């Protein structure tokens, strides 16, 4: 195999290109190193700090939320207790009013029964007096009727025999 003249030219050109690109490669490597030192490391450090602060703030926020929920639960429990106390007080008041109403009704019933009893007693006394008066008047009337109906010489005692 014989070397190809075009191959030598290609290899020479390639060598020149590689030799000409060495400063570019060196500059590129320096740029990558400078980027790493000047931009990437500080940026990574800032991002890590930001992440730490964010997660710390998140933990703090979670703690605040938990404290707020605990306080809310405490207030809700106090509210439930206050409502229960109000309900119990209301029930006691309603029960007291019902007892007072029943006592007042009992007093009114007793007073009514006493009035009815005294009215009955008054009526019974009036009836008894009326009976006595009727009996007294009936005896007198019967003697008058007998005197009016009987002949002048006959007495009521004679007729009764």
C-alpha atoms as a PDB file:
ATOM      1  CA  UNK A   1       0.000   0.000   0.000  1.00  0.00           C
ATOM      2  CA  UNK A   2       1.240   3.162  -1.004  1.00  0.00           C
ATOM      3  CA  UNK A   3       0.448   6.346   0.684  1.00  0.00           C
ATOM      4  CA  UNK A   4      -2.140   8.343  -1.066  1.00  0.00           C
ATOM      5  CA  UNK A   5      -1.115  11.937  -1.838  1.00  0.00           C
ATOM      6  CA  UNK A   6      -4.545  13.151  -0.944  1.00  0.00           C
ATOM      7  CA  UNK A   7      -4.339  11.348   2.313  1.00  0.00           C
ATOM      8  CA  UNK A   8      -1.161  13.209   3.226  1.00  0.00           C
ATOM      9  CA  UNK A   9      -2.792  16.487   2.374  1.00  0.00           C
ATOM     10  CA  UNK A  10      -5.818  15.601   4.495  1.00  0.00           C
ATOM     11  CA  UNK A  11      -3.597  14.600   7.390  1.00  0.00           C
ATOM     12  CA  UNK A  12      -1.544  17.786   7.055  1.00  0.00           C
ATOM     13  CA  UNK A  13      -4.686  19.894   7.030  1.00  0.00           C
ATOM     14  CA  UNK A  14      -6.049  17.989   9.976  1.00  0.00           C
ATOM     15  CA  UNK A  15      -2.822  18.551  11.894  1.00  0.00           C
ATOM     16  CA  UNK A  16      -2.982  22.263  11.098  1.00  0.00           C
ATOM     17  CA  UNK A  17      -6.585  22.419  12.250  1.00  0.00           C
ATOM     18  CA  UNK A  18      -5.823  20.606  15.491  1.00  0.00           C
ATOM     19  CA  UNK A  19      -2.800  22.830  16.038  1.00  0.00           C
ATOM     20  CA  UNK A  20      -4.898  25.914  15.301  1.00  0.00           C
ATOM     21  CA  UNK A  21      -7.666  24.749  17.634  1.00  0.00           C
ATOM     22  CA  UNK A  22      -5.351  24.202  20.624  1.00  0.00           C
ATOM     23  CA  UNK A  23      -5.660  27.815  21.789  1.00  0.00           C
ATOM     24  CA  UNK A  24      -9.457  27.553  21.388  1.00  0.00           C
ATOM     25  CA  UNK A  25      -9.494  24.296  23.370  1.00  0.00           C
ATOM     26  CA  UNK A  26      -7.333  25.862  26.068  1.00  0.00           C
ATOM     27  CA  UNK A  27      -9.625  28.927  26.158  1.00  0.00           C
ATOM     28  CA  UNK A  28     -12.687  26.690  26.318  1.00  0.00           C
ATOM     29  CA  UNK A  29     -11.207  24.690  29.221  1.00  0.00           C
ATOM     30  CA  UNK A  30     -10.296  27.955  30.995  1.00  0.00           C
ATOM     31  CA  UNK A  31     -13.834  29.225  30.398  1.00  0.00           C
ATOM     32  CA  UNK A  32     -15.324  26.031  31.831  1.00  0.00           C
ATOM     33  CA  UNK A  33     -13.051  26.304  34.896  1.00  0.00           C
ATOM     34  CA  UNK A  34     -13.870  30.032  35.295  1.00  0.00           C
ATOM     35  CA  UNK A  35     -17.604  29.301  34.891  1.00  0.00           C
ATOM     36  CA  UNK A  36     -17.375  26.603  37.559  1.00  0.00           C
ATOM     37  CA  UNK A  37     -15.540  28.874  39.985  1.00  0.00           C
ATOM     38  CA  UNK A  38     -17.289  32.153  39.280  1.00  0.00           C
ATOM     39  CA  UNK A  39     -20.848  31.136  38.445  1.00  0.00           C
ATOM     40  CA  UNK A  40     -21.712  27.516  39.192  1.00  0.00           C
ATOM     41  CA  UNK A  41     -20.273  27.196  42.730  1.00  0.00           C
ATOM     42  CA  UNK A  42     -21.748  30.489  44.018  1.00  0.00           C
ATOM     43  CA  UNK A  43     -25.020  29.708  42.292  1.00  0.00           C
ATOM     44  CA  UNK A  44     -25.105  26.219  43.836  1.00  0.00           C
ATOM     45  CA  UNK A  45     -24.263  27.729  47.237  1.00  0.00           C
ATOM     46  CA  UNK A  46     -27.050  30.354  46.886  1.00  0.00           C
ATOM     47  CA  UNK A  47     -29.531  27.702  45.722  1.00  0.00           C
ATOM     48  CA  UNK A  48     -28.599  25.440  48.650  1.00  0.00           C
ATOM     49  CA  UNK A  49     -29.014  28.344  51.064  1.00  0.00           C
ATOM     50  CA  UNK A  50     -32.324  29.244  49.460  1.00  0.00           C
ATOM     51  CA  UNK A  51     -33.477  25.634  49.670  1.00  0.00           C
ATOM     52  CA  UNK A  52     -32.455  25.515  53.348  1.00  0.00           C
ATOM     53  CA  UNK A  53     -34.274  28.761  54.075  1.00  0.00           C
ATOM     54  CA  UNK A  54     -37.326  27.644  52.136  1.00  0.00           C
ATOM     55  CA  UNK A  55     -37.484  24.293  53.871  1.00  0.00           C
ATOM     56  CA  UNK A  56     -36.882  26.033  57.208  1.00  0.00           C
ATOM     57  CA  UNK A  57     -39.645  28.478  56.427  1.00  0.00           C
ATOM     58  CA  UNK A  58     -41.841  25.566  55.380  1.00  0.00           C
ATOM     59  CA  UNK A  59     -41.150  23.796  58.679  1.00  0.00           C
ATOM     60  CA  UNK A  60     -41.829  27.026  60.545  1.00  0.00           C
ATOM     61  CA  UNK A  61     -45.055  27.508  58.587  1.00  0.00           C
ATOM     62  CA  UNK A  62     -46.100  23.916  59.337  1.00  0.00           C
ATOM     63  CA  UNK A  63     -45.427  24.554  63.016  1.00  0.00           C
ATOM     64  CA  UNK A  64     -47.435  27.769  62.908  1.00  0.00           C
ATOM     65  CA  UNK A  65     -50.287  25.968  61.142  1.00  0.00           C
ATOM     66  CA  UNK A  66     -50.229  23.191  63.738  1.00  0.00           C
ATOM     67  CA  UNK A  67     -50.250  25.772  66.554  1.00  0.00           C
ATOM     68  CA  UNK A  68     -53.119  27.630  64.883  1.00  0.00           C
ATOM     69  CA  UNK A  69     -55.080  24.391  64.503  1.00  0.00           C
ATOM     70  CA  UNK A  70     -54.471  23.528  68.148  1.00  0.00           C
ATOM     71  CA  UNK A  71     -55.638  26.999  69.197  1.00  0.00           C
ATOM     72  CA  UNK A  72     -58.654  26.715  66.894  1.00  0.00           C
ATOM     73  CA  UNK A  73     -59.528  23.359  68.443  1.00  0.00           C
ATOM     74  CA  UNK A  74     -59.157  24.889  71.900  1.00  0.00           C
ATOM     75  CA  UNK A  75     -61.470  27.790  70.957  1.00  0.00           C
ATOM     76  CA  UNK A  76     -63.959  25.391  69.409  1.00  0.00           C
ATOM     77  CA  UNK A  77     -63.937  23.317  72.596  1.00  0.00           C
ATOM     78  CA  UNK A  78     -64.472  26.449  74.684  1.00  0.00           C
ATOM     79  CA  UNK A  79     -67.295  27.474  72.347  1.00  0.00           C
ATOM     80  CA  UNK A  80     -68.894  24.030  72.623  1.00  0.00           C
ATOM     81  CA  UNK A  81     -68.610  24.209  76.419  1.00  0.00           C
ATOM     82  CA  UNK A  82     -70.079  27.721  76.482  1.00  0.00           C
ATOM     83  CA  UNK A  83     -72.968  26.593  74.273  1.00  0.00           C
ATOM     84  CA  UNK A  84     -73.553  23.581  76.519  1.00  0.00           C
ATOM     85  CA  UNK A  85     -73.507  25.838  79.591  1.00  0.00           C
ATOM     86  CA  UNK A  86     -75.974  28.221  77.943  1.00  0.00           C
ATOM     87  CA  UNK A  87     -78.206  25.318  76.981  1.00  0.00           C
ATOM     88  CA  UNK A  88     -78.089  23.948  80.532  1.00  0.00           C
ATOM     89  CA  UNK A  89     -78.849  27.384  81.994  1.00  0.00           C
ATOM     90  CA  UNK A  90     -81.726  27.772  79.559  1.00  0.00           C
ATOM     91  CA  UNK A  91     -83.051  24.334  80.460  1.00  0.00           C
ATOM     92  CA  UNK A  92     -82.804  25.162  84.178  1.00  0.00           C
ATOM     93  CA  UNK A  93     -84.609  28.468  83.581  1.00  0.00           C
ATOM     94  CA  UNK A  94     -87.351  26.758  81.558  1.00  0.00           C
ATOM     95  CA  UNK A  95     -87.688  24.095  84.254  1.00  0.00           C
ATOM     96  CA  UNK A  96     -87.834  26.781  86.948  1.00  0.00           C
ATOM     97  CA  UNK A  97     -90.495  28.664  84.991  1.00  0.00           C
ATOM     98  CA  UNK A  98     -92.482  25.462  84.550  1.00  0.00           C
ATOM     99  CA  UNK A  99     -92.252  24.763  88.291  1.00  0.00           C
ATOM    100  CA  UNK A 100     -93.313  28.328  89.094  1.00  0.00           C
ATOM    101  CA  UNK A 101     -96.212  28.031  86.653  1.00  0.00           C
ATOM    102  CA  UNK A 102     -97.266  24.717  88.210  1.00  0.00           C
ATOM    103  CA  UNK A 103     -97.064  26.227  91.709  1.00  0.00           C
ATOM    104  CA  UNK A 104     -99.147  29.216  90.560  1.00  0.00           C
ATOM    105  CA  UNK A 105    -101.654  26.879  88.896  1.00  0.00           C
ATOM    106  CA  UNK A 106    -101.823  24.758  92.069  1.00  0.00           C
ATOM    107  CA  UNK A 107    -102.424  27.876  94.150  1.00  0.00           C
ATOM    108  CA  UNK A 108    -105.147  29.024  91.755  1.00  0.00           C
ATOM    109  CA  UNK A 109    -106.699  25.532  91.776  1.00  0.00           C
ATOM    110  CA  UNK A 110    -106.649  25.415  95.571  1.00  0.00           C
ATOM    111  CA  UNK A 111    -108.111  28.905  95.795  1.00  0.00           C
ATOM    112  CA  UNK A 112    -110.785  27.967  93.236  1.00  0.00           C
ATOM    113  CA  UNK A 113    -111.570  24.756  95.100  1.00  0.00           C
ATOM    114  CA  UNK A 114    -111.801  26.693  98.367  1.00  0.00           C
ATOM    115  CA  UNK A 115    -114.118  29.232  96.719  1.00  0.00           C
ATOM    116  CA  UNK A 116    -116.207  26.435  95.225  1.00  0.00           C
ATOM    117  CA  UNK A 117    -116.306  24.662  98.589  1.00  0.00           C
ATOM    118  CA  UNK A 118    -117.288  27.855 100.426  1.00  0.00           C
ATOM    119  CA  UNK A 119    -119.888  28.604  97.719  1.00  0.00           C
ATOM    120  CA  UNK A 120    -121.289  25.055  98.096  1.00  0.00           C
ATOM    121  CA  UNK A 121    -121.343  25.448 101.821  1.00  0.00           C
ATOM    122  CA  UNK A 122    -123.109  28.798 101.420  1.00  0.00           C
ATOM    123  CA  UNK A 123    -125.596  27.234  99.008  1.00  0.00           C
ATOM    124  CA  UNK A 124    -126.182  24.291 101.359  1.00  0.00           C
ATOM    125  CA  UNK A 125    -126.745  26.708 104.238  1.00  0.00           C
ATOM    126  CA  UNK A 126    -129.106  28.753 102.093  1.00  0.00           C
ATOM    127  CA  UNK A 127    -130.923  25.546 101.085  1.00  0.00           C
ATOM    128  CA  UNK A 128    -131.160  24.469 104.722  1.00  0.00           C
ATOM    129  CA  UNK A 129    -132.462  27.893 105.723  1.00  0.00           C
ATOM    130  CA  UNK A 130    -134.893  27.857 102.807  1.00  0.00           C
ATOM    131  CA  UNK A 131    -136.104  24.386 103.868  1.00  0.00           C
ATOM    132  CA  UNK A 132    -136.568  25.587 107.434  1.00  0.00           C
ATOM    133  CA  UNK A 133    -138.354  28.679 106.229  1.00  0.00           C
ATOM    134  CA  UNK A 134    -140.517  26.621 103.864  1.00  0.00           C
ATOM    135  CA  UNK A 135    -141.320  24.174 106.629  1.00  0.00           C
ATOM    136  CA  UNK A 136    -142.160  27.033 108.986  1.00  0.00           C
ATOM    137  CA  UNK A 137    -144.200  28.787 106.336  1.00  0.00           C
ATOM    138  CA  UNK A 138    -145.893  25.553 105.196  1.00  0.00           C
ATOM    139  CA  UNK A 139    -147.125  24.814 108.720  1.00  0.00           C
ATOM    140  CA  UNK A 140    -148.522  28.324 108.996  1.00  0.00           C
ATOM    141  CA  UNK A 141    -150.042  28.134 105.495  1.00  0.00           C
ATOM    142  CA  UNK A 142    -151.603  24.755 106.154  1.00  0.00           C
ATOM    143  CA  UNK A 143    -153.181  26.060 109.339  1.00  0.00           C
ATOM    144  CA  UNK A 144    -154.518  29.098 107.455  1.00  0.00           C
ATOM    145  CA  UNK A 145    -155.840  26.887 104.662  1.00  0.00           C
ATOM    146  CA  UNK A 146    -157.506  24.628 107.183  1.00  0.00           C
ATOM    147  CA  UNK A 147    -159.048  27.581 108.975  1.00  0.00           C
ATOM    148  CA  UNK A 148    -160.273  28.962 105.710  1.00  0.00           C
ATOM    149  CA  UNK A 149    -161.625  25.657 104.471  1.00  0.00           C
ATOM    150  CA  UNK A 150    -163.058  24.218 107.722  1.00  0.00           C
ATOM    151  CA  UNK A 151    -166.259  25.404 109.153  1.00  0.00           C
ATOM    152  CA  UNK A 152    -166.034  28.019 111.886  1.00  0.00           C
ATOM    153  CA  UNK A 153    -166.374  25.766 114.910  1.00  0.00           C
ATOM    154  CA  UNK A 154    -163.896  22.978 113.889  1.00  0.00           C
ATOM    155  CA  UNK A 155    -160.240  23.247 114.834  1.00  0.00           C
ATOM    156  CA  UNK A 156    -157.261  21.819 113.058  1.00  0.00           C
ATOM    157  CA  UNK A 157    -156.424  19.554 115.982  1.00  0.00           C
ATOM    158  CA  UNK A 158    -159.825  17.917 115.777  1.00  0.00           C
ATOM    159  CA  UNK A 159    -159.309  17.191 112.092  1.00  0.00           C
ATOM    160  CA  UNK A 160    -155.874  15.724 112.679  1.00  0.00           C
ATOM    161  CA  UNK A 161    -157.340  13.105 115.042  1.00  0.00           C
END
